Amino acid sequence: MTELENDSARPASGQPPRDNSWAGHLRATWVLGMPLVGAQLAISAIGVTDTLMLGWLGVEKLAGGVLATQMHFVVWIFGAGLAFAIIPLAANAHGSGDTRGVRRSVRMGMWAVTFYFILSLLPLWFARDIMLLLGQEDVVAEIVEQYMRIAMWSTLPLLLIFCLRSLFTVFEFARVVLWASIATATFNALFNYTFMFGNFGAPEMGVRGAAVGTLLTQIVVLSGSLVYTLKNTEIAAYNIFRRIWLPDWSALKEILRLGWPISFGILAEVSLFIGASVMMGWIGTVPLAAHGIALQLATIAFMVPLALSNVATVRVGKALGRKDWLGLERAGYSVIAISISTALIGAIIFWTFPEPLVRIFLDETMPDTALVVAYAIPLVFVAAAFQLVDSAQVVATGVLRGLKDARTPMLIAVFCYWMVGMPVAYSFAFVLNFGGIGLWFGLALALGLAAILLNGRFVLRQKYGLVPH
C-alpha cells in the first residue's frame, strides 16, 4: 500500500502526513491525480463519441447536436456544483476524523441534486422554444428538441453518479472512478452505435438515438456505483444510505451554502462557451460545426486540469481538516505546477497537428467537410493558446474549494466571463468583424483574467482570512 493510500485508510490523527516535502506532495498528487485524469478523459470520450457520430449524420445534424448536448451540459453541470460541494465538506470531515460529517454531506448532496433535477425538467422540455428565442434556425431547433425530450431524463442518474464519485474521490479510490468512467464511455459508444444507426436489430433513431444512449448509459453506471458503495467495506462503515429519507437540514444548508456558488461559478464559465456557440450559430452552420469540433478538442485537453482540480480540493481540504498549514500550501502549489506542465504538452499537440485532429470528427464524403476543416483549424490554434490559462484557473478554483472558499471565486468567474469575456467576444466577432476567431480570442482573454485573480487569491490566502496568520 502506498503512503497516500495508507493515509486515506487510517483515522485522522490530527498530525501532518509523514512526508511533507515537495517531492512527497508531487508524488501524492501524481498517484491520486493520474487515475482521475484517466477518468476525466474517459468521460470526455462521451462528448467525442456524440460529436463524432453526429458528424457522420451530416453537418446540419452535427450543428443541432452541438447545441443540444451543450444545452444539456449547462443544465446538469450547474446541478453538479451541488455534488462537487460534497468533496470539500467530506474531505474536511475525513481529515478531522468526523465519520458522521462525511455521511451527512453525501446524503444531503443527493437530496440537493434530486430537488434540482425536478426544477430542471421545465427548461429542458421547452428546449426548441429556447433555441428559437436565441435566434437559431428552425431545423436546428427541431434537432435540439428531438435530443432533449429523451436526454433530459438522464440528468438525475448523472447527478447521483457525481455525488458518489465525489465520495470515492474523498476516499481516494481513484481507480474506481477511473474504471467507472471507462465503463461509461464504453456503454455510451455501444448504445449510440446501436440506436443512432439501427444496428443489432434496434430501430434507426438518428439524433434521438444519441439521447437514448446517454440515458441508458447513466442508468447502468449509477446501478454499478450504488452496488460498489454498498459492498465496499470501508465505505459501508460510514452507513451512507442509513435513513437517507430523513432530512438533515443543517447539512443540507451547508451543501447549499457551498454548492450554489460552485454551481454559479461553473455556470459563468460554461455559459461563456455556450454563448460563443449561440453567436457562432448566427454566423452560419459551417462555422458552428467547426466551433463544435474545436470546442470538443479543447474539452478533451481540459479534462486533465479538471481532474487535478478535484485532486487539489481533496488534498487541500484534508490538510485544512488536519490544520496542516505547510502541507496545505505545498499541496496547492504542487497541483498547480503539474497542471500547467501538462497543459503545455496539450498546447504543443494542438499547434502541431490541428488538421488531423479536426478531420477525425468528419466524414470525408460530406460536401462541406473542406469548409469545416478550413474554419476549424484557426480555432484550434487559439484553443491551444488558452489551454495554459484555462488550466491555471480551474486548478486554482479547486484549491480554493478545498479551503471552503466558493463565494468570491464565483464573483470572480461572473466578472471575468460575463462582464469581460462575453462583451469582448461579441465585439471582436461582430463589431470588429473578426468572425469566429474573434469569439475565441474573447474566450482566451476571459480565462486569462480569471487565472490571474484566482491564483492571486490563493497566494494571498492569509490576507483574505482563508487560513490563520
Protein backbone atom coordinates (compact mmCIF):
# COMPACT_ATOMS: atom_id res chain seq x y z
CA MET A 1 0.00 0.00 0.00
CA THR A 2 1.36 3.43 -0.89
CA GLU A 3 1.74 6.17 1.70
CA LEU A 4 -1.14 8.06 0.10
CA GLU A 5 -3.45 5.07 0.25
CA ASN A 6 -2.38 4.35 3.83
CA ASP A 7 -3.09 7.92 4.86
CA SER A 8 -6.59 7.75 3.41
CA ALA A 9 -7.36 4.44 5.12
CA ARG A 10 -6.34 5.29 8.68
CA PRO A 11 -8.30 7.57 11.01
CA ALA A 12 -7.10 11.15 11.01
CA SER A 13 -4.68 11.72 13.89
CA GLY A 14 -4.59 15.50 13.61
CA GLN A 15 -0.91 15.31 12.64
CA PRO A 16 0.63 16.26 9.30
CA PRO A 17 1.49 13.41 6.91
CA ARG A 18 4.92 11.83 7.39
CA ASP A 19 6.32 13.24 4.14
CA ASN A 20 5.66 16.96 3.78
CA SER A 21 8.47 17.54 1.30
CA TRP A 22 7.88 18.98 -2.17
CA ALA A 23 8.76 15.61 -3.66
CA GLY A 24 6.27 13.90 -1.39
CA HIS A 25 3.46 16.25 -2.38
CA LEU A 26 4.24 15.99 -6.08
CA ARG A 27 4.26 12.20 -5.79
CA ALA A 28 0.98 12.13 -3.83
CA THR A 29 -0.64 14.45 -6.36
CA TRP A 30 0.51 12.20 -9.19
CA VAL A 31 -0.71 8.99 -7.50
CA LEU A 32 -4.20 10.37 -6.89
CA GLY A 33 -4.31 12.53 -9.99
CA MET A 34 -3.39 10.17 -12.79
CA PRO A 35 -6.34 7.77 -12.37
CA LEU A 36 -8.67 10.77 -12.05
CA VAL A 37 -7.17 12.26 -15.22
CA GLY A 38 -7.84 8.96 -16.94
CA ALA A 39 -11.38 9.05 -15.60
CA GLN A 40 -11.98 12.56 -16.92
CA LEU A 41 -10.58 11.62 -20.31
CA ALA A 42 -12.90 8.62 -20.39
CA ILE A 43 -15.83 10.90 -19.54
CA SER A 44 -14.79 13.29 -22.31
CA ALA A 45 -14.94 10.33 -24.68
CA ILE A 46 -18.72 10.56 -24.34
CA GLY A 47 -18.73 14.01 -25.89
CA VAL A 48 -16.22 12.90 -28.51
CA THR A 49 -18.37 9.90 -29.40
CA ASP A 50 -21.53 12.00 -29.66
CA THR A 51 -19.81 14.66 -31.79
CA LEU A 52 -18.12 12.07 -33.98
CA MET A 53 -21.27 10.07 -34.66
CA LEU A 54 -23.41 13.17 -35.13
CA GLY A 55 -20.86 14.30 -37.69
CA TRP A 56 -21.50 11.07 -39.59
CA LEU A 57 -25.17 12.09 -39.85
CA GLY A 58 -24.24 15.35 -41.63
CA VAL A 59 -23.24 18.94 -40.88
CA GLU A 60 -26.83 20.01 -40.08
CA LYS A 61 -27.26 17.20 -37.54
CA LEU A 62 -23.85 18.00 -36.11
CA ALA A 63 -24.73 21.68 -35.66
CA GLY A 64 -28.03 20.84 -33.94
CA GLY A 65 -26.41 18.13 -31.87
CA VAL A 66 -23.71 20.52 -30.68
CA LEU A 67 -26.32 22.96 -29.36
CA ALA A 68 -28.43 20.17 -27.82
CA THR A 69 -25.58 18.49 -25.97
CA GLN A 70 -24.21 21.83 -24.80
CA MET A 71 -27.60 22.96 -23.51
CA HIS A 72 -27.98 19.71 -21.59
CA PHE A 73 -24.42 20.06 -20.35
CA VAL A 74 -25.13 23.53 -18.98
CA VAL A 75 -28.14 22.26 -17.05
CA TRP A 76 -26.53 19.20 -15.49
CA ILE A 77 -23.14 20.83 -14.81
CA PHE A 78 -24.92 23.56 -12.83
CA GLY A 79 -26.51 20.86 -10.69
CA ALA A 80 -23.16 19.09 -10.43
CA GLY A 81 -21.92 22.05 -8.39
CA LEU A 82 -24.09 20.71 -5.57
CA ALA A 83 -22.40 17.32 -5.92
CA PHE A 84 -18.96 18.93 -6.05
CA ALA A 85 -19.73 20.63 -2.71
CA ILE A 86 -19.55 17.17 -1.17
CA ILE A 87 -15.79 16.98 -1.86
CA PRO A 88 -14.50 19.82 0.36
CA LEU A 89 -17.06 19.13 3.10
CA ALA A 90 -16.43 15.37 3.19
CA ALA A 91 -12.66 15.81 2.77
CA ASN A 92 -12.52 18.22 5.69
CA ALA A 93 -14.62 15.84 7.81
CA HIS A 94 -12.49 12.87 6.76
CA GLY A 95 -9.27 14.75 7.58
CA SER A 96 -10.52 15.54 11.09
CA GLY A 97 -11.89 12.02 11.71
CA ASP A 98 -15.57 13.08 11.59
CA THR A 99 -17.37 9.97 10.29
CA ARG A 100 -20.82 11.46 10.72
CA GLY A 101 -19.81 14.59 8.81
CA VAL A 102 -18.82 12.51 5.79
CA ARG A 103 -22.15 10.67 5.81
CA ARG A 104 -24.23 13.82 6.23
CA SER A 105 -22.57 15.67 3.36
CA VAL A 106 -23.08 12.80 0.90
CA ARG A 107 -26.70 12.14 1.84
CA MET A 108 -27.78 15.76 1.68
CA GLY A 109 -25.81 16.23 -1.53
CA MET A 110 -28.03 13.55 -3.05
CA TRP A 111 -31.12 15.31 -1.71
CA ALA A 112 -29.98 18.61 -3.21
CA VAL A 113 -29.35 17.23 -6.72
CA THR A 114 -32.72 15.45 -6.69
CA PHE A 115 -34.55 18.70 -5.98
CA TYR A 116 -32.52 20.39 -8.68
CA PHE A 117 -33.39 17.69 -11.24
CA ILE A 118 -37.11 18.32 -10.72
CA LEU A 119 -36.60 22.04 -11.37
CA SER A 120 -34.50 21.35 -14.48
CA LEU A 121 -37.24 19.48 -16.35
CA LEU A 122 -39.15 22.62 -17.35
CA PRO A 123 -36.44 24.41 -19.37
CA LEU A 124 -35.26 21.16 -20.97
CA TRP A 125 -38.79 20.29 -22.12
CA PHE A 126 -39.04 23.63 -23.94
CA ALA A 127 -35.57 23.44 -25.49
CA ARG A 128 -36.87 24.13 -29.01
CA ASP A 129 -38.59 27.36 -27.98
CA ILE A 130 -35.44 28.47 -26.17
CA MET A 131 -33.33 27.86 -29.27
CA LEU A 132 -35.74 29.85 -31.42
CA LEU A 133 -35.62 32.73 -28.95
CA LEU A 134 -31.83 32.62 -29.23
CA GLY A 135 -32.07 33.13 -32.98
CA GLN A 136 -31.30 29.60 -34.17
CA GLU A 137 -32.70 28.19 -37.42
CA ASP A 138 -35.94 26.15 -37.26
CA VAL A 139 -34.31 22.93 -38.40
CA VAL A 140 -31.56 23.24 -35.79
CA ALA A 141 -34.08 23.98 -33.02
CA GLU A 142 -36.08 20.89 -34.03
CA ILE A 143 -32.98 18.70 -33.73
CA VAL A 144 -32.32 20.12 -30.27
CA GLU A 145 -35.85 19.20 -29.16
CA GLN A 146 -35.56 15.67 -30.55
CA TYR A 147 -32.46 15.08 -28.44
CA MET A 148 -33.61 16.84 -25.28
CA ARG A 149 -37.03 15.22 -24.83
CA ILE A 150 -35.16 11.97 -24.14
CA ALA A 151 -31.81 13.09 -22.70
CA MET A 152 -33.45 15.24 -20.00
CA TRP A 153 -34.34 12.11 -18.01
CA SER A 154 -30.67 11.17 -17.73
CA THR A 155 -29.98 14.25 -15.60
CA LEU A 156 -30.90 12.67 -12.26
CA PRO A 157 -28.86 9.46 -12.58
CA LEU A 158 -25.94 11.52 -13.86
CA LEU A 159 -26.03 13.88 -10.86
CA LEU A 160 -26.34 10.98 -8.42
CA ILE A 161 -23.27 9.42 -10.07
CA PHE A 162 -21.40 12.66 -9.41
CA CYS A 163 -22.40 12.51 -5.73
CA LEU A 164 -20.99 9.00 -5.40
CA ARG A 165 -17.95 9.92 -7.44
CA SER A 166 -17.27 12.78 -5.01
CA LEU A 167 -17.39 10.24 -2.19
CA PHE A 168 -14.98 7.89 -3.98
CA THR A 169 -12.62 10.80 -4.64
CA VAL A 170 -12.54 11.81 -0.98
CA PHE A 171 -11.65 8.22 -0.05
CA GLU A 172 -9.01 8.39 -2.78
CA PHE A 173 -10.49 5.41 -4.61
CA ALA A 174 -9.20 6.91 -7.83
CA ARG A 175 -9.05 3.60 -9.68
CA VAL A 176 -12.73 3.01 -9.01
CA VAL A 177 -13.54 6.40 -10.51
CA LEU A 178 -11.34 5.51 -13.48
CA TRP A 179 -12.98 2.17 -14.21
CA ALA A 180 -16.47 3.59 -13.75
CA SER A 181 -15.63 6.34 -16.25
CA ILE A 182 -14.23 3.85 -18.76
CA ALA A 183 -17.43 1.83 -18.40
CA THR A 184 -19.46 4.99 -19.01
CA ALA A 185 -17.59 5.80 -22.22
CA THR A 186 -17.83 2.20 -23.43
CA PHE A 187 -21.56 1.84 -22.82
CA ASN A 188 -22.24 5.24 -24.37
CA ALA A 189 -20.38 4.33 -27.57
CA LEU A 190 -22.14 0.96 -27.76
CA PHE A 191 -25.62 2.36 -27.17
CA ASN A 192 -25.02 5.25 -29.62
CA TYR A 193 -23.86 2.87 -32.33
CA THR A 194 -26.86 0.68 -31.69
CA PHE A 195 -29.65 3.25 -31.61
CA MET A 196 -28.33 6.06 -33.82
CA PHE A 197 -27.71 3.82 -36.81
CA GLY A 198 -30.11 0.91 -36.17
CA ASN A 199 -27.53 -1.79 -35.50
CA PHE A 200 -28.07 -5.15 -33.77
CA GLY A 201 -31.75 -5.12 -34.73
CA ALA A 202 -32.50 -1.81 -33.00
CA PRO A 203 -34.50 0.95 -34.74
CA GLU A 204 -32.50 3.66 -36.54
CA MET A 205 -33.18 6.76 -34.42
CA GLY A 206 -30.54 9.28 -35.54
CA VAL A 207 -30.18 12.17 -33.09
CA ARG A 208 -32.76 10.59 -30.78
CA GLY A 209 -30.54 7.52 -30.62
CA ALA A 210 -27.74 9.59 -29.11
CA ALA A 211 -30.11 10.70 -26.36
CA VAL A 212 -31.23 7.11 -25.73
CA GLY A 213 -27.58 6.11 -25.46
CA THR A 214 -26.97 8.82 -22.87
CA LEU A 215 -29.97 7.78 -20.77
CA LEU A 216 -29.21 4.05 -20.78
CA THR A 217 -25.54 4.67 -20.01
CA GLN A 218 -26.27 6.74 -16.91
CA ILE A 219 -28.75 4.17 -15.59
CA VAL A 220 -26.24 1.33 -15.97
CA VAL A 221 -23.35 3.24 -14.39
CA LEU A 222 -25.46 4.52 -11.48
CA SER A 223 -26.54 0.95 -10.73
CA GLY A 224 -22.93 -0.21 -10.64
CA SER A 225 -21.85 2.73 -8.45
CA LEU A 226 -24.61 2.01 -5.93
CA VAL A 227 -23.61 -1.64 -5.73
CA TYR A 228 -19.97 -0.71 -5.13
CA THR A 229 -20.93 1.80 -2.43
CA LEU A 230 -22.92 -0.86 -0.58
CA LYS A 231 -20.32 -3.63 -0.97
CA ASN A 232 -17.08 -1.76 -0.22
CA THR A 233 -16.21 -2.45 3.41
CA GLU A 234 -14.54 0.89 4.12
CA ILE A 235 -17.41 2.94 2.73
CA ALA A 236 -20.01 0.62 4.27
CA ALA A 237 -18.69 1.54 7.73
CA TYR A 238 -19.95 5.08 7.11
CA ASN A 239 -23.57 3.92 6.55
CA ILE A 240 -24.07 6.43 3.76
CA PHE A 241 -27.64 5.38 2.95
CA ARG A 242 -28.87 4.84 6.51
CA ARG A 243 -32.21 6.64 6.88
CA ILE A 244 -31.50 8.59 3.73
CA TRP A 245 -35.20 9.51 3.51
CA LEU A 246 -34.88 11.66 6.66
CA PRO A 247 -33.88 15.32 6.15
CA ASP A 248 -30.78 16.74 7.80
CA TRP A 249 -31.49 20.44 7.43
CA SER A 250 -28.21 21.79 8.81
CA ALA A 251 -26.17 19.54 6.49
CA LEU A 252 -28.42 20.43 3.54
CA LYS A 253 -27.94 24.11 4.34
CA GLU A 254 -24.16 23.60 4.31
CA ILE A 255 -24.32 21.82 0.94
CA LEU A 256 -26.37 24.68 -0.49
CA ARG A 257 -24.15 27.34 1.11
CA LEU A 258 -21.07 25.93 -0.60
CA GLY A 259 -22.78 24.33 -3.59
CA TRP A 260 -24.68 27.24 -5.10
CA PRO A 261 -21.59 29.46 -5.50
CA ILE A 262 -19.78 26.49 -7.07
CA SER A 263 -22.74 25.99 -9.41
CA PHE A 264 -22.89 29.64 -10.43
CA GLY A 265 -19.13 29.77 -10.87
CA ILE A 266 -19.32 26.76 -13.18
CA LEU A 267 -22.33 28.26 -14.96
CA ALA A 268 -20.48 31.52 -15.54
CA GLU A 269 -17.64 29.72 -17.33
CA VAL A 270 -19.80 27.22 -19.19
CA SER A 271 -22.27 29.87 -20.32
CA LEU A 272 -19.38 31.81 -21.84
CA PHE A 273 -18.75 28.87 -24.16
CA ILE A 274 -22.45 28.30 -24.76
CA GLY A 275 -22.84 31.97 -25.59
CA ALA A 276 -19.99 31.62 -28.05
CA SER A 277 -21.79 28.63 -29.62
CA VAL A 278 -25.02 30.64 -29.96
CA MET A 279 -23.15 33.56 -31.52
CA MET A 280 -21.30 31.17 -33.83
CA GLY A 281 -24.72 29.91 -34.94
CA TRP A 282 -25.53 33.47 -36.02
CA ILE A 283 -22.52 33.35 -38.33
CA GLY A 284 -23.63 30.12 -40.01
CA THR A 285 -23.96 26.34 -39.89
CA VAL A 286 -20.42 25.60 -41.11
CA PRO A 287 -18.81 27.92 -38.50
CA LEU A 288 -21.00 26.35 -35.80
CA ALA A 289 -19.92 22.84 -36.82
CA ALA A 290 -16.26 23.92 -36.87
CA HIS A 291 -16.69 25.56 -33.47
CA GLY A 292 -18.20 22.35 -32.09
CA ILE A 293 -15.18 20.33 -33.21
CA ALA A 294 -12.62 22.82 -31.88
CA LEU A 295 -14.54 23.07 -28.61
CA GLN A 296 -14.63 19.29 -28.31
CA LEU A 297 -10.85 19.14 -28.73
CA ALA A 298 -10.40 21.87 -26.12
CA THR A 299 -12.73 19.96 -23.79
CA ILE A 300 -10.62 16.81 -24.09
CA ALA A 301 -7.48 18.73 -23.11
CA PHE A 302 -9.39 20.44 -20.29
CA MET A 303 -10.15 17.07 -18.66
CA VAL A 304 -6.60 16.89 -17.30
CA PRO A 305 -6.66 20.11 -15.25
CA LEU A 306 -10.29 19.46 -14.33
CA ALA A 307 -9.29 16.15 -12.73
CA LEU A 308 -6.34 17.81 -11.00
CA SER A 309 -8.75 20.45 -9.69
CA ASN A 310 -10.57 17.69 -7.78
CA VAL A 311 -7.21 16.42 -6.51
CA ALA A 312 -6.48 19.93 -5.24
CA THR A 313 -9.82 20.11 -3.42
CA VAL A 314 -9.28 16.75 -1.70
CA ARG A 315 -5.67 17.30 -0.68
CA VAL A 316 -6.11 20.91 0.45
CA GLY A 317 -9.39 20.02 2.19
CA LYS A 318 -7.78 17.20 4.17
CA ALA A 319 -4.82 19.40 5.11
CA LEU A 320 -7.28 22.04 6.31
CA GLY A 321 -9.04 19.41 8.45
CA ARG A 322 -5.68 18.39 9.99
CA LYS A 323 -4.68 22.07 10.41
CA ASP A 324 -1.51 21.26 8.49
CA TRP A 325 -0.68 24.69 7.05
CA LEU A 326 2.62 23.75 5.43
CA GLY A 327 1.03 20.69 3.83
CA LEU A 328 -1.87 22.82 2.62
CA GLU A 329 0.45 25.28 0.89
CA ARG A 330 2.56 22.62 -0.76
CA ALA A 331 -0.44 20.54 -1.79
CA GLY A 332 -1.91 23.56 -3.57
CA TYR A 333 1.23 24.66 -5.37
CA SER A 334 2.11 21.08 -6.38
CA VAL A 335 -1.19 20.60 -8.19
CA ILE A 336 -0.92 23.98 -9.91
CA ALA A 337 2.59 23.18 -11.17
CA ILE A 338 1.64 19.75 -12.53
CA SER A 339 -1.48 21.14 -14.19
CA ILE A 340 0.31 23.92 -16.06
CA SER A 341 3.04 21.49 -17.19
CA THR A 342 0.53 19.04 -18.67
CA ALA A 343 -1.40 21.89 -20.31
CA LEU A 344 1.76 22.93 -22.16
CA ILE A 345 2.03 19.43 -23.62
CA GLY A 346 -1.57 19.60 -24.82
CA ALA A 347 -1.00 23.01 -26.40
CA ILE A 348 2.02 21.73 -28.33
CA ILE A 349 -0.06 18.83 -29.71
CA PHE A 350 -2.77 21.25 -30.87
CA TRP A 351 -0.25 23.55 -32.55
CA THR A 352 1.48 20.64 -34.29
CA PHE A 353 -1.42 18.51 -35.56
CA PRO A 354 -4.51 20.75 -35.99
CA GLU A 355 -5.83 19.39 -39.28
CA PRO A 356 -5.61 15.64 -38.47
CA LEU A 357 -7.35 16.30 -35.15
CA VAL A 358 -10.20 18.16 -36.85
CA ARG A 359 -10.69 15.55 -39.57
CA ILE A 360 -11.27 12.81 -37.00
CA PHE A 361 -14.74 14.26 -36.44
CA LEU A 362 -15.82 14.50 -40.08
CA ASP A 363 -16.95 12.22 -42.86
CA GLU A 364 -14.69 12.98 -45.85
CA THR A 365 -17.52 12.23 -48.26
CA MET A 366 -19.70 15.06 -46.93
CA PRO A 367 -19.78 18.11 -49.28
CA ASP A 368 -18.99 20.72 -46.58
CA THR A 369 -16.08 18.85 -44.98
CA ALA A 370 -13.34 21.01 -46.53
CA LEU A 371 -15.09 24.21 -45.44
CA VAL A 372 -15.47 22.98 -41.86
CA VAL A 373 -11.80 21.94 -41.69
CA ALA A 374 -10.61 25.29 -43.01
CA TYR A 375 -12.74 27.20 -40.48
CA ALA A 376 -11.82 24.95 -37.54
CA ILE A 377 -8.01 25.00 -37.82
CA PRO A 378 -7.53 28.65 -36.68
CA LEU A 379 -9.91 27.97 -33.78
CA VAL A 380 -7.76 25.01 -32.71
CA PHE A 381 -4.68 27.28 -32.71
CA VAL A 382 -6.42 29.67 -30.31
CA ALA A 383 -7.66 26.74 -28.20
CA ALA A 384 -4.04 25.62 -27.86
CA ALA A 385 -3.04 29.05 -26.59
CA PHE A 386 -5.71 29.25 -23.89
CA GLN A 387 -5.01 25.74 -22.53
CA LEU A 388 -2.41 27.24 -20.20
CA VAL A 389 -4.65 29.89 -18.64
CA ASP A 390 -7.68 27.58 -18.58
CA SER A 391 -5.62 25.02 -16.68
CA ALA A 392 -4.38 27.62 -14.21
CA GLN A 393 -7.84 28.98 -13.43
CA VAL A 394 -9.62 25.66 -12.92
CA VAL A 395 -6.95 24.24 -10.60
CA ALA A 396 -6.89 27.46 -8.57
CA THR A 397 -10.66 27.11 -8.23
CA GLY A 398 -10.18 23.57 -6.88
CA VAL A 399 -7.59 24.74 -4.38
CA LEU A 400 -9.94 27.46 -3.11
CA ARG A 401 -12.81 24.96 -2.82
CA GLY A 402 -10.58 22.89 -0.55
CA LEU A 403 -10.44 25.98 1.67
CA LYS A 404 -14.28 26.13 1.54
CA ASP A 405 -13.92 29.37 -0.38
CA ALA A 406 -16.62 29.42 -3.05
CA ARG A 407 -18.40 32.78 -2.95
CA THR A 408 -15.52 35.02 -4.03
CA PRO A 409 -14.35 32.62 -6.79
CA MET A 410 -17.94 32.71 -8.05
CA LEU A 411 -17.89 36.51 -8.18
CA ILE A 412 -14.55 36.40 -9.99
CA ALA A 413 -15.99 33.96 -12.51
CA VAL A 414 -19.09 36.08 -13.11
CA PHE A 415 -16.97 39.20 -13.61
CA CYS A 416 -14.41 37.56 -15.92
CA TYR A 417 -16.78 35.51 -18.05
CA TRP A 418 -19.98 37.57 -18.19
CA MET A 419 -18.76 41.15 -17.77
CA VAL A 420 -15.48 40.82 -19.67
CA GLY A 421 -15.46 37.65 -21.78
CA MET A 422 -18.91 37.82 -23.36
CA PRO A 423 -18.82 41.51 -24.38
CA VAL A 424 -15.25 41.24 -25.67
CA ALA A 425 -16.05 38.08 -27.66
CA TYR A 426 -19.09 39.76 -29.22
CA SER A 427 -17.12 42.92 -30.02
CA PHE A 428 -14.26 41.03 -31.63
CA ALA A 429 -16.63 38.90 -33.71
CA PHE A 430 -19.29 41.36 -34.84
CA VAL A 431 -18.12 44.92 -34.16
CA LEU A 432 -14.53 44.45 -35.35
CA ASN A 433 -15.68 41.78 -37.86
CA PHE A 434 -13.13 39.14 -36.87
CA GLY A 435 -15.86 36.47 -37.01
CA GLY A 436 -15.42 33.14 -35.24
CA ILE A 437 -11.76 33.66 -34.44
CA GLY A 438 -12.73 36.86 -32.63
CA LEU A 439 -15.12 34.91 -30.44
CA TRP A 440 -12.32 32.61 -29.41
CA PHE A 441 -9.96 35.48 -28.63
CA GLY A 442 -12.62 36.75 -26.24
CA LEU A 443 -12.74 33.36 -24.54
CA ALA A 444 -8.97 33.34 -24.09
CA LEU A 445 -8.92 36.82 -22.57
CA ALA A 446 -11.61 35.95 -20.02
CA LEU A 447 -9.86 32.75 -18.95
CA GLY A 448 -6.54 34.54 -18.58
CA LEU A 449 -8.01 37.21 -16.33
CA ALA A 450 -9.71 34.56 -14.16
CA ALA A 451 -6.43 32.64 -13.83
CA ILE A 452 -4.64 35.74 -12.52
CA LEU A 453 -7.34 36.64 -9.98
CA LEU A 454 -7.97 33.11 -8.65
CA ASN A 455 -4.31 32.20 -8.25
CA GLY A 456 -3.67 35.55 -6.64
CA ARG A 457 -6.35 34.79 -4.05
CA PHE A 458 -4.61 31.55 -3.08
CA VAL A 459 -1.22 33.28 -2.87
CA LEU A 460 -2.75 35.92 -0.55
CA ARG A 461 -4.90 33.39 1.38
CA GLN A 462 -3.71 34.62 4.79
CA LYS A 463 -4.53 38.24 3.93
CA TYR A 464 -8.07 37.20 2.93
CA GLY A 465 -8.57 35.15 6.11
CA LEU A 466 -8.79 31.78 4.38
CA VAL A 467 -6.17 30.33 6.76
CA PRO A 468 -4.81 31.62 10.11
CA HIS A 469 -1.96 34.12 10.06
